[in-house]
Amino acid sequence: MGQIYSNPIQVLAEAQPGDIIQFERGWNQSHCGIYAGNGKVIHPSVEDCDRRQHGPPRVIESNFSDLLQDRKAKINNHFDQKTKPLPSDEILKRARGYNFGKYYWNSTSNHFAAECL
């Protein structure tokens, strides 16, 4: 799937565990997570990302529909063109155990998704 935001039903139907799902957030911003299967997405908490002064974001697992909030989404596996992705079970393991470290204030959900691959 390409770089165009799509119908969420189509995105959910095509997503495979380990895919990066990018959610439109407006103002040319997005929020990324790793598709875990069964309609679930592993991602940094949106609230924590917006309030970085309170410490690093928590990594949580949410329903795809809860993250969507009447916006569009897309599968964005653009890193697959640069490097061979890890097996999906390894991607999910990395996502669930992700640690933002001491530089969390400079990290985004895009960094999270890229580092899980």
PDB file of N, CA and C in Angstrom:
ATOM      1  N   MET A   1       0.839  -1.172   0.000  1.00  0.00           N
ATOM      2  CA  MET A   1       0.000   0.000   0.000  1.00  0.00           C
ATOM      3  C   MET A   1       0.885   1.237   0.000  1.00  0.00           C
ATOM      4  N   GLY A   2       0.474   2.285  -0.666  1.00  0.00           N
ATOM      5  CA  GLY A   2       1.304   3.457  -0.856  1.00  0.00           C
ATOM      6  C   GLY A   2       1.203   4.484   0.250  1.00  0.00           C
ATOM      7  N   GLN A   3       1.572   5.699  -0.093  1.00  0.00           N
ATOM      8  CA  GLN A   3       1.672   6.781   0.873  1.00  0.00           C
ATOM      9  C   GLN A   3       0.388   7.592   0.999  1.00  0.00           C
ATOM     10  N   ILE A   4      -0.709   7.157   0.393  1.00  0.00           N
ATOM     11  CA  ILE A   4      -1.955   7.910   0.431  1.00  0.00           C
ATOM     12  C   ILE A   4      -2.827   7.373   1.560  1.00  0.00           C
ATOM     13  N   TYR A   5      -3.380   8.282   2.371  1.00  0.00           N
ATOM     14  CA  TYR A   5      -4.295   7.848   3.422  1.00  0.00           C
ATOM     15  C   TYR A   5      -5.521   7.236   2.768  1.00  0.00           C
ATOM     16  N   SER A   6      -6.015   6.155   3.347  1.00  0.00           N
ATOM     17  CA  SER A   6      -7.061   5.361   2.722  1.00  0.00           C
ATOM     18  C   SER A   6      -8.242   5.153   3.647  1.00  0.00           C
ATOM     19  N   ASN A   7      -9.238   4.499   3.092  1.00  0.00           N
ATOM     20  CA  ASN A   7     -10.401   4.086   3.839  1.00  0.00           C
ATOM     21  C   ASN A   7      -9.940   3.157   4.962  1.00  0.00           C
ATOM     22  N   PRO A   8     -10.268   3.465   6.207  1.00  0.00           N
ATOM     23  CA  PRO A   8      -9.794   2.658   7.335  1.00  0.00           C
ATOM     24  C   PRO A   8     -10.216   1.190   7.263  1.00  0.00           C
ATOM     25  N   ILE A   9     -11.383   0.909   6.717  1.00  0.00           N
ATOM     26  CA  ILE A   9     -11.835  -0.478   6.602  1.00  0.00           C
ATOM     27  C   ILE A   9     -10.901  -1.258   5.689  1.00  0.00           C
ATOM     28  N   GLN A  10     -10.477  -0.622   4.598  1.00  0.00           N
ATOM     29  CA  GLN A  10      -9.542  -1.256   3.666  1.00  0.00           C
ATOM     30  C   GLN A  10      -8.180  -1.456   4.330  1.00  0.00           C
ATOM     31  N   VAL A  11      -7.716  -0.452   5.053  1.00  0.00           N
ATOM     32  CA  VAL A  11      -6.419  -0.545   5.739  1.00  0.00           C
ATOM     33  C   VAL A  11      -6.438  -1.710   6.725  1.00  0.00           C
ATOM     34  N   LEU A  12      -7.474  -1.792   7.523  1.00  0.00           N
ATOM     35  CA  LEU A  12      -7.573  -2.858   8.520  1.00  0.00           C
ATOM     36  C   LEU A  12      -7.658  -4.233   7.852  1.00  0.00           C
ATOM     37  N   ALA A  13      -8.339  -4.317   6.725  1.00  0.00           N
ATOM     38  CA  ALA A  13      -8.460  -5.593   6.010  1.00  0.00           C
ATOM     39  C   ALA A  13      -7.120  -6.045   5.428  1.00  0.00           C
ATOM     40  N   GLU A  14      -6.271  -5.095   5.034  1.00  0.00           N
ATOM     41  CA  GLU A  14      -5.000  -5.419   4.383  1.00  0.00           C
ATOM     42  C   GLU A  14      -3.819  -5.513   5.352  1.00  0.00           C
ATOM     43  N   ALA A  15      -3.956  -4.949   6.541  1.00  0.00           N
ATOM     44  CA  ALA A  15      -2.834  -4.905   7.490  1.00  0.00           C
ATOM     45  C   ALA A  15      -2.438  -6.304   7.945  1.00  0.00           C
ATOM     46  N   GLN A  16      -1.130  -6.491   8.061  1.00  0.00           N
ATOM     47  CA  GLN A  16      -0.550  -7.736   8.554  1.00  0.00           C
ATOM     48  C   GLN A  16       0.235  -7.428   9.832  1.00  0.00           C
ATOM     49  N   PRO A  17       0.291  -8.360  10.782  1.00  0.00           N
ATOM     50  CA  PRO A  17       1.092  -8.108  11.980  1.00  0.00           C
ATOM     51  C   PRO A  17       2.522  -7.687  11.612  1.00  0.00           C
ATOM     52  N   GLY A  18       2.977  -6.610  12.253  1.00  0.00           N
ATOM     53  CA  GLY A  18       4.304  -6.067  11.975  1.00  0.00           C
ATOM     54  C   GLY A  18       4.290  -4.879  11.034  1.00  0.00           C
ATOM     55  N   ASP A  19       3.161  -4.614  10.371  1.00  0.00           N
ATOM     56  CA  ASP A  19       3.063  -3.444   9.485  1.00  0.00           C
ATOM     57  C   ASP A  19       3.035  -2.160  10.306  1.00  0.00           C
ATOM     58  N   ILE A  20       3.619  -1.095   9.754  1.00  0.00           N
ATOM     59  CA  ILE A  20       3.479   0.231  10.354  1.00  0.00           C
ATOM     60  C   ILE A  20       2.143   0.799   9.893  1.00  0.00           C
ATOM     61  N   ILE A  21       1.333   1.231  10.848  1.00  0.00           N
ATOM     62  CA  ILE A  21       0.076   1.906  10.542  1.00  0.00           C
ATOM     63  C   ILE A  21       0.268   3.370  10.919  1.00  0.00           C
ATOM     64  N   GLN A  22      -0.019   4.244   9.976  1.00  0.00           N
ATOM     65  CA  GLN A  22       0.133   5.680  10.201  1.00  0.00           C
ATOM     66  C   GLN A  22      -1.255   6.310  10.207  1.00  0.00           C
ATOM     67  N   PHE A  23      -1.579   7.018  11.291  1.00  0.00           N
ATOM     68  CA  PHE A  23      -2.875   7.653  11.471  1.00  0.00           C
ATOM     69  C   PHE A  23      -2.742   9.151  11.247  1.00  0.00           C
ATOM     70  N   GLU A  24      -3.615   9.689  10.433  1.00  0.00           N
ATOM     71  CA  GLU A  24      -3.646  11.127  10.171  1.00  0.00           C
ATOM     72  C   GLU A  24      -4.097  11.836  11.451  1.00  0.00           C
ATOM     73  N   ARG A  25      -3.387  12.923  11.811  1.00  0.00           N
ATOM     74  CA  ARG A  25      -3.749  13.680  13.014  1.00  0.00           C
ATOM     75  C   ARG A  25      -4.060  15.137  12.722  1.00  0.00           C
ATOM     76  N   GLY A  26      -3.996  15.545  11.478  1.00  0.00           N
ATOM     77  CA  GLY A  26      -4.267  16.932  11.139  1.00  0.00           C
ATOM     78  C   GLY A  26      -3.019  17.787  11.211  1.00  0.00           C
ATOM     79  N   TRP A  27      -3.102  18.974  10.658  1.00  0.00           N
ATOM     80  CA  TRP A  27      -1.983  19.914  10.646  1.00  0.00           C
ATOM     81  C   TRP A  27      -0.693  19.254  10.151  1.00  0.00           C
ATOM     82  N   ASN A  28      -0.820  18.392   9.176  1.00  0.00           N
ATOM     83  CA  ASN A  28       0.325  17.703   8.570  1.00  0.00           C
ATOM     84  C   ASN A  28       1.094  16.855   9.591  1.00  0.00           C
ATOM     85  N   GLN A  29       0.394  16.334  10.571  1.00  0.00           N
ATOM     86  CA  GLN A  29       0.993  15.465  11.579  1.00  0.00           C
ATOM     87  C   GLN A  29       0.376  14.079  11.484  1.00  0.00           C
ATOM     88  N   SER A  30       1.088  13.116  12.032  1.00  0.00           N
ATOM     89  CA  SER A  30       0.566  11.751  12.056  1.00  0.00           C
ATOM     90  C   SER A  30       1.023  11.061  13.338  1.00  0.00           C
ATOM     91  N   HIS A  31       0.431   9.916  13.589  1.00  0.00           N
ATOM     92  CA  HIS A  31       0.803   9.080  14.733  1.00  0.00           C
ATOM     93  C   HIS A  31       0.979   7.668  14.204  1.00  0.00           C
ATOM     94  N   CYS A  32       2.085   7.026  14.551  1.00  0.00           N
ATOM     95  CA  CYS A  32       2.400   5.696  14.018  1.00  0.00           C
ATOM     96  C   CYS A  32       2.374   4.635  15.104  1.00  0.00           C
ATOM     97  N   GLY A  33       2.041   3.443  14.670  1.00  0.00           N
ATOM     98  CA  GLY A  33       2.089   2.284  15.542  1.00  0.00           C
ATOM     99  C   GLY A  33       2.367   1.039  14.722  1.00  0.00           C
ATOM    100  N   ILE A  34       2.516  -0.062  15.398  1.00  0.00           N
ATOM    101  CA  ILE A  34       2.773  -1.350  14.761  1.00  0.00           C
ATOM    102  C   ILE A  34       1.504  -2.192  14.876  1.00  0.00           C
ATOM    103  N   TYR A  35       1.022  -2.688  13.736  1.00  0.00           N
ATOM    104  CA  TYR A  35      -0.179  -3.516  13.757  1.00  0.00           C
ATOM    105  C   TYR A  35       0.139  -4.854  14.414  1.00  0.00           C
ATOM    106  N   ALA A  36      -0.661  -5.223  15.423  1.00  0.00           N
ATOM    107  CA  ALA A  36      -0.419  -6.449  16.185  1.00  0.00           C
ATOM    108  C   ALA A  36      -1.322  -7.599  15.749  1.00  0.00           C
ATOM    109  N   GLY A  37      -2.307  -7.309  14.915  1.00  0.00           N
ATOM    110  CA  GLY A  37      -3.293  -8.313  14.527  1.00  0.00           C
ATOM    111  C   GLY A  37      -4.559  -8.153  15.349  1.00  0.00           C
ATOM    112  N   ASN A  38      -5.636  -8.774  14.897  1.00  0.00           N
ATOM    113  CA  ASN A  38      -6.924  -8.744  15.608  1.00  0.00           C
ATOM    114  C   ASN A  38      -7.408  -7.331  15.919  1.00  0.00           C
ATOM    115  N   GLY A  39      -7.136  -6.382  15.020  1.00  0.00           N
ATOM    116  CA  GLY A  39      -7.610  -5.015  15.201  1.00  0.00           C
ATOM    117  C   GLY A  39      -6.871  -4.214  16.251  1.00  0.00           C
ATOM    118  N   LYS A  40      -5.701  -4.670  16.682  1.00  0.00           N
ATOM    119  CA  LYS A  40      -4.924  -3.982  17.722  1.00  0.00           C
ATOM    120  C   LYS A  40      -3.669  -3.338  17.140  1.00  0.00           C
ATOM    121  N   VAL A  41      -3.278  -2.199  17.717  1.00  0.00           N
ATOM    122  CA  VAL A  41      -2.083  -1.466  17.306  1.00  0.00           C
ATOM    123  C   VAL A  41      -1.246  -1.167  18.546  1.00  0.00           C
ATOM    124  N   ILE A  42       0.050  -1.462  18.474  1.00  0.00           N
ATOM    125  CA  ILE A  42       1.001  -1.148  19.547  1.00  0.00           C
ATOM    126  C   ILE A  42       1.617   0.199  19.197  1.00  0.00           C
ATOM    127  N   HIS A  43       1.584   1.141  20.147  1.00  0.00           N
ATOM    128  CA  HIS A  43       2.042   2.503  19.842  1.00  0.00           C
ATOM    129  C   HIS A  43       2.363   3.247  21.134  1.00  0.00           C
ATOM    130  N   PRO A  44       3.128   4.345  21.016  1.00  0.00           N
ATOM    131  CA  PRO A  44       3.326   5.199  22.186  1.00  0.00           C
ATOM    132  C   PRO A  44       2.008   5.905  22.501  1.00  0.00           C
ATOM    133  N   SER A  45       1.685   6.036  23.752  1.00  0.00           N
ATOM    134  CA  SER A  45       0.464   6.726  24.151  1.00  0.00           C
ATOM    135  C   SER A  45       0.444   8.131  23.554  1.00  0.00           C
ATOM    136  N   VAL A  46      -0.648   8.453  22.862  1.00  0.00           N
ATOM    137  CA  VAL A  46      -0.778   9.780  22.239  1.00  0.00           C
ATOM    138  C   VAL A  46      -0.694  10.866  23.300  1.00  0.00           C
ATOM    139  N   GLU A  47      -1.375  10.656  24.423  1.00  0.00           N
ATOM    140  CA  GLU A  47      -1.365  11.657  25.491  1.00  0.00           C
ATOM    141  C   GLU A  47       0.048  11.870  26.016  1.00  0.00           C
ATOM    142  N   ASP A  48       0.794  10.786  26.188  1.00  0.00           N
ATOM    143  CA  ASP A  48       2.167  10.905  26.680  1.00  0.00           C
ATOM    144  C   ASP A  48       3.062  11.598  25.660  1.00  0.00           C
ATOM    145  N   CYS A  49       2.847  11.338  24.377  1.00  0.00           N
ATOM    146  CA  CYS A  49       3.655  11.990  23.336  1.00  0.00           C
ATOM    147  C   CYS A  49       3.415  13.493  23.338  1.00  0.00           C
ATOM    148  N   ASP A  50       2.178  13.894  23.636  1.00  0.00           N
ATOM    149  CA  ASP A  50       1.845  15.313  23.648  1.00  0.00           C
ATOM    150  C   ASP A  50       2.299  16.009  24.928  1.00  0.00           C
ATOM    151  N   ARG A  51       2.682  15.247  25.955  1.00  0.00           N
ATOM    152  CA  ARG A  51       3.091  15.821  27.241  1.00  0.00           C
ATOM    153  C   ARG A  51       4.446  15.268  27.655  1.00  0.00           C
ATOM    154  N   ARG A  52       5.436  15.496  26.868  1.00  0.00           N
ATOM    155  CA  ARG A  52       6.757  14.892  27.104  1.00  0.00           C
ATOM    156  C   ARG A  52       7.444  15.370  28.380  1.00  0.00           C
ATOM    157  N   GLN A  53       7.021  16.473  28.934  1.00  0.00           N
ATOM    158  CA  GLN A  53       7.669  16.962  30.145  1.00  0.00           C
ATOM    159  C   GLN A  53       7.418  16.026  31.328  1.00  0.00           C
ATOM    160  N   HIS A  54       6.475  15.106  31.211  1.00  0.00           N
ATOM    161  CA  HIS A  54       6.159  14.180  32.299  1.00  0.00           C
ATOM    162  C   HIS A  54       6.938  12.880  32.216  1.00  0.00           C
ATOM    163  N   GLY A  55       7.862  12.779  31.289  1.00  0.00           N
ATOM    164  CA  GLY A  55       8.645  11.556  31.146  1.00  0.00           C
ATOM    165  C   GLY A  55       8.349  10.863  29.831  1.00  0.00           C
ATOM    166  N   PRO A  56       9.009   9.742  29.615  1.00  0.00           N
ATOM    167  CA  PRO A  56       8.855   9.055  28.334  1.00  0.00           C
ATOM    168  C   PRO A  56       7.443   8.504  28.147  1.00  0.00           C
ATOM    169  N   PRO A  57       6.999   8.420  26.902  1.00  0.00           N
ATOM    170  CA  PRO A  57       5.674   7.854  26.628  1.00  0.00           C
ATOM    171  C   PRO A  57       5.610   6.386  27.024  1.00  0.00           C
ATOM    172  N   ARG A  58       4.438   5.950  27.409  1.00  0.00           N
ATOM    173  CA  ARG A  58       4.186   4.530  27.650  1.00  0.00           C
ATOM    174  C   ARG A  58       3.867   3.874  26.312  1.00  0.00           C
ATOM    175  N   VAL A  59       4.298   2.653  26.126  1.00  0.00           N
ATOM    176  CA  VAL A  59       3.910   1.882  24.953  1.00  0.00           C
ATOM    177  C   VAL A  59       2.664   1.100  25.346  1.00  0.00           C
ATOM    178  N   ILE A  60       1.592   1.288  24.575  1.00  0.00           N
ATOM    179  CA  ILE A  60       0.317   0.652  24.889  1.00  0.00           C
ATOM    180  C   ILE A  60      -0.220  -0.068  23.655  1.00  0.00           C
ATOM    181  N   GLU A  61      -1.206  -0.902  23.863  1.00  0.00           N
ATOM    182  CA  GLU A  61      -1.873  -1.602  22.769  1.00  0.00           C
ATOM    183  C   GLU A  61      -3.322  -1.136  22.759  1.00  0.00           C
ATOM    184  N   SER A  62      -3.759  -0.573  21.625  1.00  0.00           N
ATOM    185  CA  SER A  62      -5.100  -0.006  21.516  1.00  0.00           C
ATOM    186  C   SER A  62      -5.839  -0.615  20.340  1.00  0.00           C
ATOM    187  N   ASN A  63      -7.151  -0.463  20.367  1.00  0.00           N
ATOM    188  CA  ASN A  63      -7.956  -0.847  19.220  1.00  0.00           C
ATOM    189  C   ASN A  63      -7.698   0.120  18.072  1.00  0.00           C
ATOM    190  N   PHE A  64      -7.607  -0.407  16.881  1.00  0.00           N
ATOM    191  CA  PHE A  64      -7.430   0.401  15.674  1.00  0.00           C
ATOM    192  C   PHE A  64      -8.475   1.512  15.632  1.00  0.00           C
ATOM    193  N   SER A  65      -9.735   1.172  15.902  1.00  0.00           N
ATOM    194  CA  SER A  65     -10.823   2.153  15.812  1.00  0.00           C
ATOM    195  C   SER A  65     -10.674   3.272  16.840  1.00  0.00           C
ATOM    196  N   ASP A  66     -10.108   2.986  18.015  1.00  0.00           N
ATOM    197  CA  ASP A  66      -9.900   4.027  19.023  1.00  0.00           C
ATOM    198  C   ASP A  66      -8.849   5.039  18.576  1.00  0.00           C
ATOM    199  N   LEU A  67      -7.834   4.578  17.869  1.00  0.00           N
ATOM    200  CA  LEU A  67      -6.796   5.481  17.370  1.00  0.00           C
ATOM    201  C   LEU A  67      -7.282   6.295  16.179  1.00  0.00           C
ATOM    202  N   LEU A  68      -8.205   5.752  15.445  1.00  0.00           N
ATOM    203  CA  LEU A  68      -8.660   6.374  14.208  1.00  0.00           C
ATOM    204  C   LEU A  68      -9.358   7.707  14.447  1.00  0.00           C
ATOM    205  N   GLN A  69     -10.314   7.744  15.345  1.00  0.00           N
ATOM    206  CA  GLN A  69     -11.053   8.958  15.694  1.00  0.00           C
ATOM    207  C   GLN A  69     -11.534   9.718  14.461  1.00  0.00           C
ATOM    208  N   ASP A  70     -12.279   9.057  13.590  1.00  0.00           N
ATOM    209  CA  ASP A  70     -12.866   9.661  12.384  1.00  0.00           C
ATOM    210  C   ASP A  70     -11.836  10.241  11.421  1.00  0.00           C
ATOM    211  N   ARG A  71     -10.628   9.737  11.459  1.00  0.00           N
ATOM    212  CA  ARG A  71      -9.605  10.184  10.515  1.00  0.00           C
ATOM    213  C   ARG A  71      -9.226   9.023   9.614  1.00  0.00           C
ATOM    214  N   LYS A  72      -8.318   9.281   8.712  1.00  0.00           N
ATOM    215  CA  LYS A  72      -7.862   8.248   7.788  1.00  0.00           C
ATOM    216  C   LYS A  72      -6.571   7.622   8.298  1.00  0.00           C
ATOM    217  N   ALA A  73      -6.216   6.502   7.695  1.00  0.00           N
ATOM    218  CA  ALA A  73      -4.996   5.789   8.070  1.00  0.00           C
ATOM    219  C   ALA A  73      -4.379   5.190   6.815  1.00  0.00           C
ATOM    220  N   LYS A  74      -3.152   4.704   6.959  1.00  0.00           N
ATOM    221  CA  LYS A  74      -2.496   4.009   5.854  1.00  0.00           C
ATOM    222  C   LYS A  74      -1.467   3.035   6.410  1.00  0.00           C
ATOM    223  N   ILE A  75      -1.176   2.027   5.603  1.00  0.00           N
ATOM    224  CA  ILE A  75      -0.060   1.140   5.897  1.00  0.00           C
ATOM    225  C   ILE A  75       1.158   1.819   5.302  1.00  0.00           C
ATOM    226  N   ASN A  76       2.183   2.031   6.107  1.00  0.00           N
ATOM    227  CA  ASN A  76       3.350   2.776   5.642  1.00  0.00           C
ATOM    228  C   ASN A  76       4.616   1.968   5.916  1.00  0.00           C
ATOM    229  N   ASN A  77       4.873   1.008   5.066  1.00  0.00           N
ATOM    230  CA  ASN A  77       6.060   0.163   5.209  1.00  0.00           C
ATOM    231  C   ASN A  77       7.192   0.649   4.310  1.00  0.00           C
ATOM    232  N   HIS A  78       7.396   1.961   4.256  1.00  0.00           N
ATOM    233  CA  HIS A  78       8.415   2.504   3.345  1.00  0.00           C
ATOM    234  C   HIS A  78       9.828   2.039   3.697  1.00  0.00           C
ATOM    235  N   PHE A  79      10.065   1.628   4.937  1.00  0.00           N
ATOM    236  CA  PHE A  79      11.400   1.135   5.299  1.00  0.00           C
ATOM    237  C   PHE A  79      11.709  -0.202   4.638  1.00  0.00           C
ATOM    238  N   ASP A  80      10.669  -0.937   4.236  1.00  0.00           N
ATOM    239  CA  ASP A  80      10.874  -2.233   3.581  1.00  0.00           C
ATOM    240  C   ASP A  80      11.655  -2.091   2.277  1.00  0.00           C
ATOM    241  N   GLN A  81      11.622  -0.897   1.672  1.00  0.00           N
ATOM    242  CA  GLN A  81      12.352  -0.653   0.425  1.00  0.00           C
ATOM    243  C   GLN A  81      13.842  -0.455   0.688  1.00  0.00           C
ATOM    244  N   LYS A  82      14.196  -0.098   1.919  1.00  0.00           N
ATOM    245  CA  LYS A  82      15.591   0.196   2.256  1.00  0.00           C
ATOM    246  C   LYS A  82      16.297  -0.989   2.901  1.00  0.00           C
ATOM    247  N   THR A  83      15.592  -1.692   3.760  1.00  0.00           N
ATOM    248  CA  THR A  83      16.177  -2.838   4.455  1.00  0.00           C
ATOM    249  C   THR A  83      15.144  -3.954   4.534  1.00  0.00           C
ATOM    250  N   LYS A  84      15.627  -5.164   4.665  1.00  0.00           N
ATOM    251  CA  LYS A  84      14.718  -6.296   4.810  1.00  0.00           C
ATOM    252  C   LYS A  84      14.118  -6.258   6.212  1.00  0.00           C
ATOM    253  N   PRO A  85      12.788  -6.268   6.316  1.00  0.00           N
ATOM    254  CA  PRO A  85      12.177  -6.210   7.647  1.00  0.00           C
ATOM    255  C   PRO A  85      12.403  -7.501   8.429  1.00  0.00           C
ATOM    256  N   LEU A  86      12.368  -7.378   9.721  1.00  0.00           N
ATOM    257  CA  LEU A  86      12.458  -8.539  10.605  1.00  0.00           C
ATOM    258  C   LEU A  86      11.174  -9.362  10.483  1.00  0.00           C
ATOM    259  N   PRO A  87      11.203 -10.601  10.940  1.00  0.00           N
ATOM    260  CA  PRO A  87       9.959 -11.382  10.990  1.00  0.00           C
ATOM    261  C   PRO A  87       8.942 -10.671  11.889  1.00  0.00           C
ATOM    262  N   SER A  88       7.668 -10.830  11.584  1.00  0.00           N
ATOM    263  CA  SER A  88       6.632 -10.095  12.311  1.00  0.00           C
ATOM    264  C   SER A  88       6.644 -10.384  13.814  1.00  0.00           C
ATOM    265  N   ASP A  89       6.940 -11.613  14.229  1.00  0.00           N
ATOM    266  CA  ASP A  89       6.964 -11.895  15.667  1.00  0.00           C
ATOM    267  C   ASP A  89       8.078 -11.128  16.379  1.00  0.00           C
ATOM    268  N   GLU A  90       9.203 -10.899  15.701  1.00  0.00           N
ATOM    269  CA  GLU A  90      10.302 -10.113  16.280  1.00  0.00           C
ATOM    270  C   GLU A  90       9.929  -8.630  16.337  1.00  0.00           C
ATOM    271  N   ILE A  91       9.257  -8.130  15.302  1.00  0.00           N
ATOM    272  CA  ILE A  91       8.802  -6.731  15.295  1.00  0.00           C
ATOM    273  C   ILE A  91       7.849  -6.496  16.466  1.00  0.00           C
ATOM    274  N   LEU A  92       6.903  -7.411  16.668  1.00  0.00           N
ATOM    275  CA  LEU A  92       5.936  -7.265  17.759  1.00  0.00           C
ATOM    276  C   LEU A  92       6.619  -7.350  19.122  1.00  0.00           C
ATOM    277  N   LYS A  93       7.597  -8.214  19.259  1.00  0.00           N
ATOM    278  CA  LYS A  93       8.357  -8.322  20.512  1.00  0.00           C
ATOM    279  C   LYS A  93       9.084  -7.010  20.803  1.00  0.00           C
ATOM    280  N   ARG A  94       9.718  -6.439  19.784  1.00  0.00           N
ATOM    281  CA  ARG A  94      10.415  -5.157  19.963  1.00  0.00           C
ATOM    282  C   ARG A  94       9.439  -4.047  20.332  1.00  0.00           C
ATOM    283  N   ALA A  95       8.282  -4.027  19.666  1.00  0.00           N
ATOM    284  CA  ALA A  95       7.291  -2.983  19.927  1.00  0.00           C
ATOM    285  C   ALA A  95       6.788  -3.057  21.367  1.00  0.00           C
ATOM    286  N   ARG A  96       6.443  -4.247  21.808  1.00  0.00           N
ATOM    287  CA  ARG A  96       5.902  -4.402  23.168  1.00  0.00           C
ATOM    288  C   ARG A  96       6.941  -4.095  24.243  1.00  0.00           C
ATOM    289  N   GLY A  97       8.202  -4.314  23.960  1.00  0.00           N
ATOM    290  CA  GLY A  97       9.257  -4.080  24.944  1.00  0.00           C
ATOM    291  C   GLY A  97      10.041  -2.803  24.716  1.00  0.00           C
ATOM    292  N   TYR A  98       9.539  -1.911  23.870  1.00  0.00           N
ATOM    293  CA  TYR A  98      10.296  -0.716  23.489  1.00  0.00           C
ATOM    294  C   TYR A  98      10.571   0.191  24.684  1.00  0.00           C
ATOM    295  N   ASN A  99      11.796   0.719  24.744  1.00  0.00           N
ATOM    296  CA  ASN A  99      12.215   1.644  25.792  1.00  0.00           C
ATOM    297  C   ASN A  99      12.695   2.929  25.123  1.00  0.00           C
ATOM    298  N   PHE A 100      12.072   4.044  25.441  1.00  0.00           N
ATOM    299  CA  PHE A 100      12.440   5.318  24.824  1.00  0.00           C
ATOM    300  C   PHE A 100      13.794   5.832  25.287  1.00  0.00           C
ATOM    301  N   GLY A 101      14.291   5.353  26.406  1.00  0.00           N
ATOM    302  CA  GLY A 101      15.602   5.774  26.869  1.00  0.00           C
ATOM    303  C   GLY A 101      15.626   7.218  27.322  1.00  0.00           C
ATOM    304  N   LYS A 102      16.844   7.721  27.537  1.00  0.00           N
ATOM    305  CA  LYS A 102      16.974   9.069  28.101  1.00  0.00           C
ATOM    306  C   LYS A 102      16.716  10.174  27.090  1.00  0.00           C
ATOM    307  N   TYR A 103      16.636   9.860  25.808  1.00  0.00           N
ATOM    308  CA  TYR A 103      16.394  10.892  24.796  1.00  0.00           C
ATOM    309  C   TYR A 103      14.939  10.904  24.344  1.00  0.00           C
ATOM    310  N   TYR A 104      14.034  10.490  25.220  1.00  0.00           N
ATOM    311  CA  TYR A 104      12.620  10.392  24.867  1.00  0.00           C
ATOM    312  C   TYR A 104      12.034  11.712  24.382  1.00  0.00           C
ATOM    313  N   TRP A 105      12.523  12.827  24.877  1.00  0.00           N
ATOM    314  CA  TRP A 105      11.987  14.134  24.509  1.00  0.00           C
ATOM    315  C   TRP A 105      12.196  14.443  23.037  1.00  0.00           C
ATOM    316  N   ASN A 106      13.111  13.730  22.386  1.00  0.00           N
ATOM    317  CA  ASN A 106      13.385  13.960  20.969  1.00  0.00           C
ATOM    318  C   ASN A 106      12.849  12.817  20.106  1.00  0.00           C
ATOM    319  N   SER A 107      12.055  11.932  20.696  1.00  0.00           N
ATOM    320  CA  SER A 107      11.530  10.784  19.966  1.00  0.00           C
ATOM    321  C   SER A 107      10.066  11.000  19.614  1.00  0.00           C
ATOM    322  N   THR A 108       9.649  10.413  18.523  1.00  0.00           N
ATOM    323  CA  THR A 108       8.258  10.484  18.088  1.00  0.00           C
ATOM    324  C   THR A 108       7.737   9.077  17.854  1.00  0.00           C
ATOM    325  N   SER A 109       6.459   8.994  17.564  1.00  0.00           N
ATOM    326  CA  SER A 109       5.892   7.686  17.243  1.00  0.00           C
ATOM    327  C   SER A 109       6.498   7.141  15.954  1.00  0.00           C
ATOM    328  N   ASN A 110       6.944   8.028  15.069  1.00  0.00           N
ATOM    329  CA  ASN A 110       7.619   7.587  13.837  1.00  0.00           C
ATOM    330  C   ASN A 110       8.941   6.904  14.179  1.00  0.00           C
ATOM    331  N   HIS A 111       9.698   7.480  15.133  1.00  0.00           N
ATOM    332  CA  HIS A 111      10.945   6.853  15.578  1.00  0.00           C
ATOM    333  C   HIS A 111      10.653   5.482  16.185  1.00  0.00           C
ATOM    334  N   PHE A 112       9.631   5.425  17.023  1.00  0.00           N
ATOM    335  CA  PHE A 112       9.237   4.166  17.650  1.00  0.00           C
ATOM    336  C   PHE A 112       8.999   3.094  16.588  1.00  0.00           C
ATOM    337  N   ALA A 113       8.168   3.407  15.601  1.00  0.00           N
ATOM    338  CA  ALA A 113       7.829   2.426  14.564  1.00  0.00           C
ATOM    339  C   ALA A 113       9.068   1.984  13.791  1.00  0.00           C
ATOM    340  N   ALA A 114       9.912   2.940  13.422  1.00  0.00           N
ATOM    341  CA  ALA A 114      11.113   2.614  12.639  1.00  0.00           C
ATOM    342  C   ALA A 114      12.067   1.723  13.425  1.00  0.00           C
ATOM    343  N   GLU A 115      12.210   1.976  14.720  1.00  0.00           N
ATOM    344  CA  GLU A 115      13.160   1.209  15.524  1.00  0.00           C
ATOM    345  C   GLU A 115      12.654  -0.191  15.869  1.00  0.00           C
ATOM    346  N   CYS A 116      11.381  -0.438  15.675  1.00  0.00           N
ATOM    347  CA  CYS A 116      10.840  -1.783  15.910  1.00  0.00           C
ATOM    348  C   CYS A 116      11.118  -2.714  14.739  1.00  0.00           C
ATOM    349  N   LEU A 117      11.457  -2.151  13.598  1.00  0.00           N
ATOM    350  CA  LEU A 117      11.656  -2.964  12.400  1.00  0.00           C
ATOM    351  C   LEU A 117      13.032  -3.557  12.373  1.00  0.00           C
TER     352      LEU A 117
END
